[in-house]
């Protein structure tokens, strides 16, 4: 399970990055615009593969902080 606060931080980061691109501006299925009643949220990380790997490595090194592993 994911800690709700960690999830909210990640979502804010993803939205901030997406807002700097056309992805964040488009009325697209990428944000769920094709599903009536669905809140439009961009879910893909667009900060680059290198930074994403660094984030994943840091989370793993910290014992998967923000996750509850069972």
PDB file of N, CA and C in Angstrom:
ATOM      1  N   UNK A   1       0.844  -1.182   0.000  1.00  0.00           N
ATOM      2  CA  UNK A   1       0.000   0.000   0.000  1.00  0.00           C
ATOM      3  C   UNK A   1       0.886   1.242   0.000  1.00  0.00           C
ATOM      4  N   UNK A   2       0.332   2.325  -0.466  1.00  0.00           N
ATOM      5  CA  UNK A   2       1.066   3.587  -0.534  1.00  0.00           C
ATOM      6  C   UNK A   2       0.531   4.537   0.529  1.00  0.00           C
ATOM      7  N   UNK A   3       1.448   5.216   1.203  1.00  0.00           N
ATOM      8  CA  UNK A   3       1.067   6.233   2.175  1.00  0.00           C
ATOM      9  C   UNK A   3       0.366   7.372   1.435  1.00  0.00           C
ATOM     10  N   UNK A   4      -0.828   7.768   1.868  1.00  0.00           N
ATOM     11  CA  UNK A   4      -1.571   8.832   1.165  1.00  0.00           C
ATOM     12  C   UNK A   4      -0.789  10.132   1.013  1.00  0.00           C
ATOM     13  N   UNK A   5       0.009  10.488   2.012  1.00  0.00           N
ATOM     14  CA  UNK A   5       0.795  11.723   1.913  1.00  0.00           C
ATOM     15  C   UNK A   5       1.897  11.587   0.865  1.00  0.00           C
ATOM     16  N   UNK A   6       2.533  10.415   0.809  1.00  0.00           N
ATOM     17  CA  UNK A   6       3.558  10.180  -0.209  1.00  0.00           C
ATOM     18  C   UNK A   6       2.936  10.206  -1.598  1.00  0.00           C
ATOM     19  N   UNK A   7       1.759   9.631  -1.731  1.00  0.00           N
ATOM     20  CA  UNK A   7       1.065   9.631  -3.012  1.00  0.00           C
ATOM     21  C   UNK A   7       0.716  11.054  -3.435  1.00  0.00           C
ATOM     22  N   UNK A   8       0.250  11.856  -2.513  1.00  0.00           N
ATOM     23  CA  UNK A   8      -0.104  13.247  -2.818  1.00  0.00           C
ATOM     24  C   UNK A   8       1.134  14.034  -3.256  1.00  0.00           C
ATOM     25  N   UNK A   9       2.273  13.809  -2.585  1.00  0.00           N
ATOM     26  CA  UNK A   9       3.522  14.495  -2.975  1.00  0.00           C
ATOM     27  C   UNK A   9       3.922  14.100  -4.392  1.00  0.00           C
ATOM     28  N   UNK A  10       3.839  12.810  -4.691  1.00  0.00           N
ATOM     29  CA  UNK A  10       4.212  12.334  -6.026  1.00  0.00           C
ATOM     30  C   UNK A  10       3.284  12.930  -7.087  1.00  0.00           C
ATOM     31  N   UNK A  11       1.995  12.937  -6.816  1.00  0.00           N
ATOM     32  CA  UNK A  11       1.024  13.494  -7.767  1.00  0.00           C
ATOM     33  C   UNK A  11       1.291  14.970  -8.022  1.00  0.00           C
ATOM     34  N   UNK A  12       1.626  15.717  -6.975  1.00  0.00           N
ATOM     35  CA  UNK A  12       1.947  17.143  -7.159  1.00  0.00           C
ATOM     36  C   UNK A  12       3.180  17.301  -8.041  1.00  0.00           C
ATOM     37  N   UNK A  13       4.182  16.467  -7.832  1.00  0.00           N
ATOM     38  CA  UNK A  13       5.404  16.526  -8.634  1.00  0.00           C
ATOM     39  C   UNK A  13       5.083  16.234 -10.101  1.00  0.00           C
ATOM     40  N   UNK A  14       4.316  15.178 -10.345  1.00  0.00           N
ATOM     41  CA  UNK A  14       3.953  14.796 -11.714  1.00  0.00           C
ATOM     42  C   UNK A  14       3.146  15.909 -12.383  1.00  0.00           C
ATOM     43  N   UNK A  15       2.185  16.475 -11.668  1.00  0.00           N
ATOM     44  CA  UNK A  15       1.357  17.547 -12.240  1.00  0.00           C
ATOM     45  C   UNK A  15       2.188  18.783 -12.546  1.00  0.00           C
ATOM     46  N   UNK A  16       3.124  19.122 -11.666  1.00  0.00           N
ATOM     47  CA  UNK A  16       3.969  20.293 -11.874  1.00  0.00           C
ATOM     48  C   UNK A  16       4.798  20.124 -13.148  1.00  0.00           C
ATOM     49  N   UNK A  17       5.400  18.941 -13.319  1.00  0.00           N
ATOM     50  CA  UNK A  17       6.182  18.684 -14.526  1.00  0.00           C
ATOM     51  C   UNK A  17       5.300  18.708 -15.769  1.00  0.00           C
ATOM     52  N   UNK A  18       4.143  18.073 -15.692  1.00  0.00           N
ATOM     53  CA  UNK A  18       3.243  18.014 -16.849  1.00  0.00           C
ATOM     54  C   UNK A  18       2.747  19.405 -17.234  1.00  0.00           C
ATOM     55  N   UNK A  19       2.567  20.278 -16.254  1.00  0.00           N
ATOM     56  CA  UNK A  19       2.053  21.617 -16.546  1.00  0.00           C
ATOM     57  C   UNK A  19       3.022  22.436 -17.391  1.00  0.00           C
ATOM     58  N   UNK A  20       4.279  22.014 -17.424  1.00  0.00           N
ATOM     59  CA  UNK A  20       5.298  22.714 -18.216  1.00  0.00           C
ATOM     60  C   UNK A  20       5.354  22.209 -19.666  1.00  0.00           C
ATOM     61  N   UNK A  21       4.504  21.250 -19.986  1.00  0.00           N
ATOM     62  CA  UNK A  21       4.504  20.657 -21.322  1.00  0.00           C
ATOM     63  C   UNK A  21       3.138  20.830 -21.968  1.00  0.00           C
ATOM     64  N   UNK A  22       3.048  20.450 -23.228  1.00  0.00           N
ATOM     65  CA  UNK A  22       1.751  20.462 -23.902  1.00  0.00           C
ATOM     66  C   UNK A  22       0.833  19.377 -23.349  1.00  0.00           C
ATOM     67  N   UNK A  23       1.410  18.323 -22.781  1.00  0.00           N
ATOM     68  CA  UNK A  23       0.580  17.282 -22.168  1.00  0.00           C
ATOM     69  C   UNK A  23      -0.369  17.883 -21.139  1.00  0.00           C
ATOM     70  N   UNK A  24       0.155  18.764 -20.326  1.00  0.00           N
ATOM     71  CA  UNK A  24      -0.651  19.373 -19.283  1.00  0.00           C
ATOM     72  C   UNK A  24      -1.707  20.328 -19.791  1.00  0.00           C
ATOM     73  N   UNK A  25      -1.524  20.807 -21.015  1.00  0.00           N
ATOM     74  CA  UNK A  25      -2.458  21.770 -21.597  1.00  0.00           C
ATOM     75  C   UNK A  25      -3.538  21.118 -22.446  1.00  0.00           C
ATOM     76  N   UNK A  26      -3.266  19.920 -22.919  1.00  0.00           N
ATOM     77  CA  UNK A  26      -4.160  19.266 -23.872  1.00  0.00           C
ATOM     78  C   UNK A  26      -5.379  18.645 -23.197  1.00  0.00           C
ATOM     79  N   UNK A  27      -6.473  18.654 -23.903  1.00  0.00           N
ATOM     80  CA  UNK A  27      -7.688  17.968 -23.484  1.00  0.00           C
ATOM     81  C   UNK A  27      -7.601  16.573 -24.107  1.00  0.00           C
ATOM     82  N   UNK A  28      -6.944  15.658 -23.424  1.00  0.00           N
ATOM     83  CA  UNK A  28      -6.528  14.405 -24.027  1.00  0.00           C
ATOM     84  C   UNK A  28      -6.907  13.189 -23.198  1.00  0.00           C
ATOM     85  N   UNK A  29      -6.924  12.032 -23.862  1.00  0.00           N
ATOM     86  CA  UNK A  29      -7.140  10.772 -23.161  1.00  0.00           C
ATOM     87  C   UNK A  29      -5.997  10.516 -22.194  1.00  0.00           C
ATOM     88  N   UNK A  30      -4.845  11.143 -22.417  1.00  0.00           N
ATOM     89  CA  UNK A  30      -3.709  11.008 -21.500  1.00  0.00           C
ATOM     90  C   UNK A  30      -4.080  11.462 -20.089  1.00  0.00           C
ATOM     91  N   UNK A  31      -5.025  12.377 -20.008  1.00  0.00           N
ATOM     92  CA  UNK A  31      -5.485  12.891 -18.716  1.00  0.00           C
ATOM     93  C   UNK A  31      -6.858  12.350 -18.343  1.00  0.00           C
ATOM     94  N   UNK A  32      -7.402  11.469 -19.140  1.00  0.00           N
ATOM     95  CA  UNK A  32      -8.712  10.902 -18.848  1.00  0.00           C
ATOM     96  C   UNK A  32      -9.864  11.717 -19.392  1.00  0.00           C
ATOM     97  N   UNK A  33      -9.585  12.632 -20.316  1.00  0.00           N
ATOM     98  CA  UNK A  33     -10.634  13.502 -20.849  1.00  0.00           C
ATOM     99  C   UNK A  33     -11.675  12.743 -21.664  1.00  0.00           C
ATOM    100  N   UNK A  34     -11.343  11.526 -22.074  1.00  0.00           N
ATOM    101  CA  UNK A  34     -12.276  10.755 -22.900  1.00  0.00           C
ATOM    102  C   UNK A  34     -13.295   9.971 -22.075  1.00  0.00           C
ATOM    103  N   UNK A  35     -13.228  10.085 -20.764  1.00  0.00           N
ATOM    104  CA  UNK A  35     -14.149   9.357 -19.890  1.00  0.00           C
ATOM    105  C   UNK A  35     -14.996  10.372 -19.124  1.00  0.00           C
ATOM    106  N   UNK A  36     -16.251  10.439 -19.483  1.00  0.00           N
ATOM    107  CA  UNK A  36     -17.151  11.414 -18.875  1.00  0.00           C
ATOM    108  C   UNK A  36     -17.216  11.223 -17.363  1.00  0.00           C
ATOM    109  N   UNK A  37     -17.083  12.325 -16.643  1.00  0.00           N
ATOM    110  CA  UNK A  37     -17.170  12.303 -15.196  1.00  0.00           C
ATOM    111  C   UNK A  37     -15.858  11.995 -14.487  1.00  0.00           C
ATOM    112  N   UNK A  38     -14.845  11.569 -15.224  1.00  0.00           N
ATOM    113  CA  UNK A  38     -13.553  11.256 -14.615  1.00  0.00           C
ATOM    114  C   UNK A  38     -12.774  12.541 -14.399  1.00  0.00           C
ATOM    115  N   UNK A  39     -12.133  12.667 -13.247  1.00  0.00           N
ATOM    116  CA  UNK A  39     -11.299  13.844 -13.026  1.00  0.00           C
ATOM    117  C   UNK A  39     -10.074  13.729 -13.930  1.00  0.00           C
ATOM    118  N   UNK A  40      -9.690  14.832 -14.517  1.00  0.00           N
ATOM    119  CA  UNK A  40      -8.563  14.828 -15.439  1.00  0.00           C
ATOM    120  C   UNK A  40      -7.266  15.020 -14.677  1.00  0.00           C
ATOM    121  N   UNK A  41      -6.442  13.986 -14.686  1.00  0.00           N
ATOM    122  CA  UNK A  41      -5.168  14.004 -13.991  1.00  0.00           C
ATOM    123  C   UNK A  41      -4.119  13.352 -14.868  1.00  0.00           C
ATOM    124  N   UNK A  42      -3.020  14.026 -15.064  1.00  0.00           N
ATOM    125  CA  UNK A  42      -1.930  13.460 -15.845  1.00  0.00           C
ATOM    126  C   UNK A  42      -1.131  12.536 -14.937  1.00  0.00           C
ATOM    127  N   UNK A  43      -0.924  11.295 -15.361  1.00  0.00           N
ATOM    128  CA  UNK A  43      -0.304  10.293 -14.496  1.00  0.00           C
ATOM    129  C   UNK A  43       1.127   9.929 -14.873  1.00  0.00           C
ATOM    130  N   UNK A  44       1.540  10.213 -16.083  1.00  0.00           N
ATOM    131  CA  UNK A  44       2.871   9.806 -16.524  1.00  0.00           C
ATOM    132  C   UNK A  44       3.936  10.783 -16.023  1.00  0.00           C
ATOM    133  N   UNK A  45       5.090  10.264 -15.644  1.00  0.00           N
ATOM    134  CA  UNK A  45       6.211  11.106 -15.212  1.00  0.00           C
ATOM    135  C   UNK A  45       6.962  11.578 -16.452  1.00  0.00           C
ATOM    136  N   UNK A  46       7.068  12.878 -16.639  1.00  0.00           N
ATOM    137  CA  UNK A  46       7.718  13.426 -17.826  1.00  0.00           C
ATOM    138  C   UNK A  46       9.022  14.152 -17.489  1.00  0.00           C
ATOM    139  N   UNK A  47       9.609  13.791 -16.353  1.00  0.00           N
ATOM    140  CA  UNK A  47      10.854  14.427 -15.928  1.00  0.00           C
ATOM    141  C   UNK A  47      12.106  13.785 -16.478  1.00  0.00           C
ATOM    142  N   UNK A  48      11.947  12.739 -17.276  1.00  0.00           N
ATOM    143  CA  UNK A  48      13.101  12.078 -17.872  1.00  0.00           C
ATOM    144  C   UNK A  48      13.422  10.755 -17.202  1.00  0.00           C
ATOM    145  N   UNK A  49      13.986   9.855 -17.988  1.00  0.00           N
ATOM    146  CA  UNK A  49      14.301   8.510 -17.490  1.00  0.00           C
ATOM    147  C   UNK A  49      15.389   8.543 -16.417  1.00  0.00           C
ATOM    148  N   UNK A  50      16.421   9.359 -16.612  1.00  0.00           N
ATOM    149  CA  UNK A  50      17.508   9.449 -15.632  1.00  0.00           C
ATOM    150  C   UNK A  50      17.022   9.911 -14.264  1.00  0.00           C
ATOM    151  N   UNK A  51      16.326  11.048 -14.206  1.00  0.00           N
ATOM    152  CA  UNK A  51      15.809  11.498 -12.912  1.00  0.00           C
ATOM    153  C   UNK A  51      14.831  10.507 -12.280  1.00  0.00           C
ATOM    154  N   UNK A  52      14.006   9.847 -13.116  1.00  0.00           N
ATOM    155  CA  UNK A  52      13.066   8.864 -12.583  1.00  0.00           C
ATOM    156  C   UNK A  52      13.811   7.698 -11.939  1.00  0.00           C
ATOM    157  N   UNK A  53      14.867   7.214 -12.606  1.00  0.00           N
ATOM    158  CA  UNK A  53      15.669   6.130 -12.045  1.00  0.00           C
ATOM    159  C   UNK A  53      16.317   6.568 -10.738  1.00  0.00           C
ATOM    160  N   UNK A  54      16.817   7.808 -10.694  1.00  0.00           N
ATOM    161  CA  UNK A  54      17.425   8.324  -9.464  1.00  0.00           C
ATOM    162  C   UNK A  54      16.415   8.337  -8.318  1.00  0.00           C
ATOM    163  N   UNK A  55      15.193   8.754  -8.615  1.00  0.00           N
ATOM    164  CA  UNK A  55      14.132   8.768  -7.601  1.00  0.00           C
ATOM    165  C   UNK A  55      13.851   7.354  -7.118  1.00  0.00           C
ATOM    166  N   UNK A  56      13.711   6.422  -8.052  1.00  0.00           N
ATOM    167  CA  UNK A  56      13.442   5.020  -7.684  1.00  0.00           C
ATOM    168  C   UNK A  56      14.577   4.448  -6.843  1.00  0.00           C
ATOM    169  N   UNK A  57      15.818   4.735  -7.238  1.00  0.00           N
ATOM    170  CA  UNK A  57      16.966   4.245  -6.474  1.00  0.00           C
ATOM    171  C   UNK A  57      16.987   4.822  -5.057  1.00  0.00           C
ATOM    172  N   UNK A  58      16.667   6.102  -4.932  1.00  0.00           N
ATOM    173  CA  UNK A  58      16.654   6.753  -3.618  1.00  0.00           C
ATOM    174  C   UNK A  58      15.554   6.157  -2.733  1.00  0.00           C
ATOM    175  N   UNK A  59      14.379   5.939  -3.294  1.00  0.00           N
ATOM    176  CA  UNK A  59      13.275   5.347  -2.527  1.00  0.00           C
ATOM    177  C   UNK A  59      13.663   3.943  -2.056  1.00  0.00           C
ATOM    178  N   UNK A  60      14.266   3.160  -2.948  1.00  0.00           N
ATOM    179  CA  UNK A  60      14.688   1.800  -2.582  1.00  0.00           C
ATOM    180  C   UNK A  60      15.748   1.834  -1.483  1.00  0.00           C
ATOM    181  N   UNK A  61      16.722   2.750  -1.599  1.00  0.00           N
ATOM    182  CA  UNK A  61      17.795   2.858  -0.605  1.00  0.00           C
ATOM    183  C   UNK A  61      17.262   3.266   0.764  1.00  0.00           C
ATOM    184  N   UNK A  62      16.131   3.958   0.784  1.00  0.00           N
ATOM    185  CA  UNK A  62      15.530   4.403   2.048  1.00  0.00           C
ATOM    186  C   UNK A  62      14.502   3.406   2.557  1.00  0.00           C
ATOM    187  N   UNK A  63      14.558   2.162   2.076  1.00  0.00           N
ATOM    188  CA  UNK A  63      13.655   1.133   2.556  1.00  0.00           C
ATOM    189  C   UNK A  63      12.235   1.307   2.042  1.00  0.00           C
ATOM    190  N   UNK A  64      12.092   1.892   0.864  1.00  0.00           N
ATOM    191  CA  UNK A  64      10.786   2.115   0.236  1.00  0.00           C
ATOM    192  C   UNK A  64       9.890   3.004   1.098  1.00  0.00           C
ATOM    193  N   UNK A  65      10.476   4.098   1.524  1.00  0.00           N
ATOM    194  CA  UNK A  65       9.750   5.107   2.290  1.00  0.00           C
ATOM    195  C   UNK A  65       8.509   5.534   1.508  1.00  0.00           C
ATOM    196  N   UNK A  66       7.384   5.576   2.174  1.00  0.00           N
ATOM    197  CA  UNK A  66       6.118   5.943   1.543  1.00  0.00           C
ATOM    198  C   UNK A  66       5.296   4.743   1.135  1.00  0.00           C
ATOM    199  N   UNK A  67       5.885   3.551   1.262  1.00  0.00           N
ATOM    200  CA  UNK A  67       5.189   2.307   0.918  1.00  0.00           C
ATOM    201  C   UNK A  67       5.073   1.425   2.151  1.00  0.00           C
ATOM    202  N   UNK A  68       4.024   0.661   2.217  1.00  0.00           N
ATOM    203  CA  UNK A  68       3.835  -0.332   3.263  1.00  0.00           C
ATOM    204  C   UNK A  68       3.875  -1.694   2.593  1.00  0.00           C
ATOM    205  N   UNK A  69       4.994  -2.384   2.755  1.00  0.00           N
ATOM    206  CA  UNK A  69       5.166  -3.683   2.122  1.00  0.00           C
ATOM    207  C   UNK A  69       4.775  -4.778   3.095  1.00  0.00           C
ATOM    208  N   UNK A  70       4.020  -5.759   2.610  1.00  0.00           N
ATOM    209  CA  UNK A  70       3.574  -6.845   3.476  1.00  0.00           C
ATOM    210  C   UNK A  70       4.034  -8.164   2.932  1.00  0.00           C
TER     211      UNK A  70
END
